[in-house]
């Protein structure tokens, strides 16, 4: 699988990576054996980066990874987790919790170090705390050799721009912002390139929006967004293509994003995504779908504190 450099870190990630949120049953109840097998299949099919968080399954994702990672040679993969968000409304980005969180993640996953640690969904807290307390605390963990590279992850573009302008980070993970429907993360490309920050993308399907699967109950897509995407999916189906295939290929195609993180607790789904990644993208179909999606291009929703978000598009 093609590898791309991650900013100035010196490491290269495969353009498709395994997201372990599904191991925490964030979308559905999972079969334990299937969940463990999905990690193995991801590595076997060539992915070299695993992304997780103590928030996923409130520790379940990391615990399950701790069941399977000891069976995989450590130099076969890079491992990233997060800190700061531990439950739906439980956030703690204090320096003390940084050290505790890193140690707990190491213990859960049975590894000696973490390649990447990200501040998770920091748009829910005051940005100045991340700059003045959390990032410096993470740098201390880096000095101790527990963490190789540090950064942030979340949703709003405004929040990312604040962090990039006010502190030094190694990597950044954006989600739902480089998809068929929303390419706002392109705004981050020149900033990250100038600062040498590794830019990673996640959620090419926008939490199932760009698939034929039913949306989770918590999805924030408006009726108009759902209706337009449904038309795009039906157009793809008429051409004999699953819109999810086109969505994945689109998100993988831009080399300015080092990797695209997506996950499933279904090993067959993981294998299907790798197969799709190896097939050529239908450029004509892509143009037609992007045209259908124009009325909702770059629609987004508010996440976290309003002041950490851009002004929403009024429909």
Protein backbone atom coordinates (compact mmCIF):
# COMPACT_ATOMS: atom_id res chain seq x y z
CA UNK A 1 0.00 0.00 0.00
CA UNK A 2 1.23 3.49 -0.87
CA UNK A 3 2.90 5.36 2.00
CA UNK A 4 3.14 9.11 2.48
CA UNK A 5 5.36 11.20 4.79
CA UNK A 6 3.70 12.58 7.94
CA UNK A 7 4.91 16.17 8.12
CA UNK A 8 8.37 16.43 9.66
CA UNK A 9 7.99 13.38 11.89
CA UNK A 10 10.16 11.20 9.67
CA UNK A 11 7.55 8.43 9.60
CA UNK A 12 5.45 7.34 6.66
CA UNK A 13 1.88 6.14 6.99
CA UNK A 14 -0.11 4.08 4.53
CA UNK A 15 -2.72 6.18 2.80
CA UNK A 16 -5.47 4.03 4.35
CA UNK A 17 -5.41 3.50 8.12
CA UNK A 18 -7.44 1.52 10.65
CA UNK A 19 -9.74 3.47 12.94
CA UNK A 20 -10.57 1.55 16.10
CA UNK A 21 -13.64 3.53 17.21
CA UNK A 22 -15.87 0.66 16.04
CA UNK A 23 -14.14 -1.64 18.52
CA UNK A 24 -15.70 0.53 21.21
CA UNK A 25 -19.19 -0.16 19.80
CA UNK A 26 -19.66 3.47 18.80
CA UNK A 27 -21.96 2.44 15.93
CA UNK A 28 -23.32 -0.99 16.85
CA UNK A 29 -22.87 -3.98 19.13
CA UNK A 30 -19.84 -5.89 17.91
CA UNK A 31 -18.80 -9.52 17.92
CA UNK A 32 -15.62 -9.84 20.00
CA UNK A 33 -13.85 -12.30 17.70
CA UNK A 34 -14.77 -10.30 14.60
CA UNK A 35 -13.52 -7.12 16.22
CA UNK A 36 -10.14 -8.66 17.03
CA UNK A 37 -9.91 -10.19 13.57
CA UNK A 38 -10.60 -6.81 11.93
CA UNK A 39 -7.38 -5.42 13.42
CA UNK A 40 -5.38 -8.37 12.13
CA UNK A 41 -6.93 -8.09 8.66
CA UNK A 42 -6.09 -4.37 8.52
CA UNK A 43 -2.42 -5.13 9.22
CA UNK A 44 -2.37 -8.15 6.90
CA UNK A 45 -3.82 -6.09 4.04
CA UNK A 46 -1.11 -3.46 4.40
CA UNK A 47 -2.32 -0.73 6.77
CA UNK A 48 0.39 0.47 9.14
CA UNK A 49 -1.44 2.96 11.40
CA UNK A 50 -4.03 2.25 14.10
CA UNK A 51 -6.00 5.17 15.58
CA UNK A 52 -7.97 4.88 18.80
CA UNK A 53 -9.01 6.80 21.93
CA UNK A 54 -9.96 6.09 25.56
CA UNK A 55 -13.29 7.71 24.65
CA UNK A 56 -14.18 4.91 22.21
CA UNK A 57 -16.27 2.51 24.21
CA UNK A 58 -15.05 4.35 27.35
CA UNK A 59 -11.86 2.29 27.27
CA UNK A 60 -13.21 -0.76 25.41
CA UNK A 61 -11.40 0.01 22.15
CA UNK A 62 -8.01 0.27 23.85
CA UNK A 63 -8.70 -2.85 25.93
CA UNK A 64 -9.56 -4.91 22.84
CA UNK A 65 -6.45 -3.63 21.08
CA UNK A 66 -4.54 -4.86 24.11
CA UNK A 67 -5.84 -8.34 23.31
CA UNK A 68 -4.50 -8.40 19.76
CA UNK A 69 -1.51 -6.03 19.55
CA UNK A 70 0.85 -8.26 21.58
CA UNK A 71 0.47 -10.83 18.79
CA UNK A 72 1.67 -8.35 16.14
CA UNK A 73 5.34 -7.28 15.88
CA UNK A 74 5.58 -3.69 17.17
CA UNK A 75 7.56 -2.52 14.14
CA UNK A 76 4.69 -3.59 11.86
CA UNK A 77 2.47 -0.68 12.86
CA UNK A 78 2.27 2.84 14.24
CA UNK A 79 -0.15 3.39 17.10
CA UNK A 80 -2.04 6.57 17.93
CA UNK A 81 -4.46 7.33 20.73
CA UNK A 82 -5.99 10.45 22.26
CA UNK A 83 -6.71 12.07 25.60
CA UNK A 84 -8.94 14.72 27.13
CA UNK A 85 -12.35 13.26 26.29
CA UNK A 86 -13.43 10.30 28.38
CA UNK A 87 -17.24 10.24 28.12
CA UNK A 88 -19.97 12.19 26.37
CA UNK A 89 -19.64 15.28 28.56
CA UNK A 90 -16.50 14.40 30.54
CA UNK A 91 -13.46 16.39 29.47
CA UNK A 92 -10.19 16.78 31.36
CA UNK A 93 -7.22 18.36 29.62
CA UNK A 94 -5.29 19.09 32.82
CA UNK A 95 -1.58 18.38 33.00
CA UNK A 96 -2.15 15.77 35.71
CA UNK A 97 -4.69 13.90 33.61
CA UNK A 98 -2.35 13.99 30.59
CA UNK A 99 0.23 11.85 32.41
CA UNK A 100 -2.40 9.52 33.84
CA UNK A 101 -4.11 9.08 30.48
CA UNK A 102 -0.89 8.25 28.65
CA UNK A 103 0.07 5.66 31.27
CA UNK A 104 -3.39 4.06 31.26
CA UNK A 105 -3.43 3.83 27.45
CA UNK A 106 0.01 2.18 27.47
CA UNK A 107 -1.20 -0.35 30.04
CA UNK A 108 -4.47 -1.08 28.26
CA UNK A 109 -2.86 -1.68 24.89
CA UNK A 110 0.20 -3.46 26.34
CA UNK A 111 2.76 -1.35 24.50
CA UNK A 112 5.87 0.51 25.70
CA UNK A 113 5.28 3.73 23.76
CA UNK A 114 2.72 5.55 21.65
CA UNK A 115 3.64 6.91 18.25
CA UNK A 116 0.99 9.63 18.32
CA UNK A 117 -1.17 11.16 21.06
CA UNK A 118 -3.83 13.71 20.14
CA UNK A 119 -5.91 16.07 22.26
CA UNK A 120 -9.40 14.72 21.54
CA UNK A 121 -12.34 16.96 20.61
CA UNK A 122 -10.80 20.02 22.20
CA UNK A 123 -13.53 22.25 20.74
CA UNK A 124 -15.53 21.45 23.89
CA UNK A 125 -13.15 23.38 26.15
CA UNK A 126 -11.36 26.70 26.37
CA UNK A 127 -8.67 26.78 23.69
CA UNK A 128 -6.15 28.62 25.87
CA UNK A 129 -5.95 25.64 28.23
CA UNK A 130 -4.80 23.39 25.38
CA UNK A 131 -2.07 25.84 24.40
CA UNK A 132 -0.90 26.76 27.90
CA UNK A 133 -1.32 23.49 29.82
CA UNK A 134 -2.15 20.39 27.75
CA UNK A 135 0.40 20.66 24.93
CA UNK A 136 3.29 21.48 27.34
CA UNK A 137 2.29 18.47 29.48
CA UNK A 138 2.30 16.26 26.40
CA UNK A 139 5.77 17.52 25.49
CA UNK A 140 6.97 16.25 28.88
CA UNK A 141 5.60 12.79 28.02
CA UNK A 142 7.45 13.07 24.74
CA UNK A 143 10.70 13.84 26.59
CA UNK A 144 10.15 10.73 28.73
CA UNK A 145 9.91 8.56 25.61
CA UNK A 146 6.32 7.51 26.23
CA UNK A 147 5.02 9.49 23.24
CA UNK A 148 6.77 10.16 19.94
CA UNK A 149 4.56 12.84 18.36
CA UNK A 150 1.72 15.01 19.61
CA UNK A 151 -1.16 16.93 18.10
CA UNK A 152 -4.88 17.62 18.12
CA UNK A 153 -8.07 16.17 16.66
CA UNK A 154 -11.60 17.48 16.40
CA UNK A 155 -14.18 18.96 14.08
CA UNK A 156 -14.28 22.79 13.68
CA UNK A 157 -11.85 24.44 11.27
CA UNK A 158 -11.71 27.56 13.46
CA UNK A 159 -10.35 25.54 16.35
CA UNK A 160 -7.57 24.03 14.23
CA UNK A 161 -6.52 27.43 12.93
CA UNK A 162 -6.28 28.77 16.48
CA UNK A 163 -4.07 25.90 17.60
CA UNK A 164 -1.80 26.13 14.55
CA UNK A 165 -1.38 29.88 15.10
CA UNK A 166 -0.69 29.69 18.84
CA UNK A 167 1.39 26.59 19.56
CA UNK A 168 3.66 24.01 17.94
CA UNK A 169 2.27 20.56 17.21
CA UNK A 170 3.56 17.63 15.17
CA UNK A 171 0.35 16.25 13.68
CA UNK A 172 -3.32 17.08 13.18
CA UNK A 173 -6.33 14.82 12.55
CA UNK A 174 -9.46 16.26 10.96
CA UNK A 175 -12.67 14.32 10.32
CA UNK A 176 -15.77 14.80 8.13
CA UNK A 177 -13.99 17.72 6.45
CA UNK A 178 -12.43 16.06 3.43
CA UNK A 179 -15.21 14.07 1.84
CA UNK A 180 -17.36 14.15 -1.30
CA UNK A 181 -19.68 16.57 0.52
CA UNK A 182 -17.25 18.72 2.53
CA UNK A 183 -13.71 19.67 1.56
CA UNK A 184 -13.15 22.50 4.05
CA UNK A 185 -10.00 20.77 5.36
CA UNK A 186 -8.24 22.00 2.23
CA UNK A 187 -7.94 25.30 4.12
CA UNK A 188 -5.52 23.55 6.50
CA UNK A 189 -3.19 22.21 3.81
CA UNK A 190 -1.03 25.32 3.21
CA UNK A 191 -0.83 26.11 6.94
CA UNK A 192 0.27 22.57 7.82
CA UNK A 193 2.75 22.46 4.96
CA UNK A 194 4.29 25.77 6.03
CA UNK A 195 4.68 24.56 9.62
CA UNK A 196 5.68 20.99 8.78
CA UNK A 197 2.65 19.56 10.56
CA UNK A 198 1.49 16.11 9.46
CA UNK A 199 -2.11 16.33 8.22
CA UNK A 200 -4.37 13.29 8.59
CA UNK A 201 -7.96 12.86 7.45
CA UNK A 202 -10.64 10.63 8.97
CA UNK A 203 -14.24 9.61 8.31
CA UNK A 204 -14.44 9.54 4.49
CA UNK A 205 -18.05 8.31 4.82
CA UNK A 206 -19.03 11.15 7.19
CA UNK A 207 -20.42 8.76 9.81
CA UNK A 208 -22.33 6.71 7.20
CA UNK A 209 -23.82 9.75 5.46
CA UNK A 210 -21.97 8.84 2.25
CA UNK A 211 -23.03 5.19 2.30
CA UNK A 212 -26.21 3.21 1.80
CA UNK A 213 -26.34 2.23 5.48
CA UNK A 214 -28.84 3.79 7.88
CA UNK A 215 -27.49 6.78 9.80
CA UNK A 216 -26.84 6.49 13.53
CA UNK A 217 -29.49 8.18 15.68
CA UNK A 218 -27.06 10.92 16.76
CA UNK A 219 -26.20 12.05 13.20
CA UNK A 220 -26.69 15.79 12.73
CA UNK A 221 -27.43 15.82 8.99
CA UNK A 222 -30.47 17.94 8.18
CA UNK A 223 -33.40 16.62 6.09
CA UNK A 224 -32.08 18.57 3.08
CA UNK A 225 -28.60 17.08 3.44
CA UNK A 226 -30.02 13.57 3.72
CA UNK A 227 -32.25 14.05 0.68
CA UNK A 228 -29.44 15.36 -1.55
CA UNK A 229 -27.03 12.60 -0.51
CA UNK A 230 -29.72 10.01 -1.17
CA UNK A 231 -30.02 11.30 -4.74
CA UNK A 232 -26.26 11.04 -5.15
CA UNK A 233 -26.27 7.48 -3.79
CA UNK A 234 -29.09 6.48 -6.15
CA UNK A 235 -27.18 7.97 -9.09
CA UNK A 236 -24.14 5.89 -8.17
CA UNK A 237 -26.27 2.76 -7.84
CA UNK A 238 -27.60 3.26 -11.37
CA UNK A 239 -23.99 3.16 -12.56
CA UNK A 240 -23.37 -0.02 -10.59
CA UNK A 241 -21.19 1.69 -7.98
CA UNK A 242 -21.66 1.95 -4.22
CA UNK A 243 -21.39 5.62 -3.22
CA UNK A 244 -19.19 4.47 -0.32
CA UNK A 245 -16.61 3.22 -2.83
CA UNK A 246 -16.48 6.58 -4.56
CA UNK A 247 -16.35 8.38 -1.21
CA UNK A 248 -13.38 6.35 -0.03
CA UNK A 249 -11.50 6.69 -3.30
CA UNK A 250 -12.04 10.46 -3.32
CA UNK A 251 -10.69 10.90 0.21
CA UNK A 252 -7.67 8.70 -0.52
CA UNK A 253 -6.75 10.43 -3.76
CA UNK A 254 -5.35 13.70 -2.34
CA UNK A 255 -1.68 13.27 -1.36
CA UNK A 256 -1.79 16.43 0.78
CA UNK A 257 -3.46 14.25 3.44
CA UNK A 258 -0.97 11.67 4.67
CA UNK A 259 -3.58 9.08 5.48
CA UNK A 260 -7.31 8.50 5.64
CA UNK A 261 -8.55 6.82 8.83
CA UNK A 262 -11.68 4.69 8.74
CA UNK A 263 -12.69 1.71 10.77
CA UNK A 264 -15.00 -1.23 11.21
CA UNK A 265 -15.31 -4.20 13.54
CA UNK A 266 -16.17 -6.30 10.47
CA UNK A 267 -13.04 -7.86 8.89
CA UNK A 268 -14.84 -8.38 5.57
CA UNK A 269 -15.59 -4.66 5.41
CA UNK A 270 -11.94 -3.83 6.06
CA UNK A 271 -10.88 -6.11 3.20
CA UNK A 272 -13.49 -4.53 0.92
CA UNK A 273 -12.12 -1.04 1.62
CA UNK A 274 -8.61 -2.16 0.71
CA UNK A 275 -9.96 -3.68 -2.51
CA UNK A 276 -11.72 -0.40 -3.34
CA UNK A 277 -8.54 1.56 -2.63
CA UNK A 278 -6.71 -0.50 -5.26
CA UNK A 279 -9.28 0.16 -7.99
CA UNK A 280 -9.25 3.25 -10.27
CA UNK A 281 -11.76 5.98 -9.43
CA UNK A 282 -14.44 6.71 -12.03
CA UNK A 283 -13.66 10.38 -12.75
CA UNK A 284 -16.82 10.92 -14.81
CA UNK A 285 -19.02 9.54 -12.05
CA UNK A 286 -17.13 11.66 -9.51
CA UNK A 287 -17.89 14.83 -11.47
CA UNK A 288 -21.57 13.89 -11.71
CA UNK A 289 -21.84 13.16 -7.98
CA UNK A 290 -20.05 16.37 -6.98
CA UNK A 291 -22.53 18.25 -9.16
CA UNK A 292 -25.48 16.58 -7.41
CA UNK A 293 -23.97 17.46 -4.03
CA UNK A 294 -23.39 21.13 -4.90
CA UNK A 295 -26.46 22.39 -2.97
CA UNK A 296 -24.95 21.03 0.27
CA UNK A 297 -21.26 21.53 -0.52
CA UNK A 298 -19.40 22.34 2.70
CA UNK A 299 -22.50 22.14 4.86
CA UNK A 300 -21.32 21.58 8.42
CA UNK A 301 -22.70 21.54 11.94
CA UNK A 302 -21.73 23.10 15.26
CA UNK A 303 -19.68 20.92 17.59
CA UNK A 304 -18.49 21.91 21.04
CA UNK A 305 -18.45 25.51 22.25
CA UNK A 306 -20.01 27.94 19.77
CA UNK A 307 -17.02 30.29 20.02
CA UNK A 308 -14.73 27.51 18.76
CA UNK A 309 -16.79 27.16 15.56
CA UNK A 310 -17.15 29.11 12.36
CA UNK A 311 -20.54 30.65 11.60
CA UNK A 312 -22.80 27.92 10.19
CA UNK A 313 -24.25 28.04 6.72
CA UNK A 314 -27.90 29.07 6.91
CA UNK A 315 -30.16 26.90 4.76
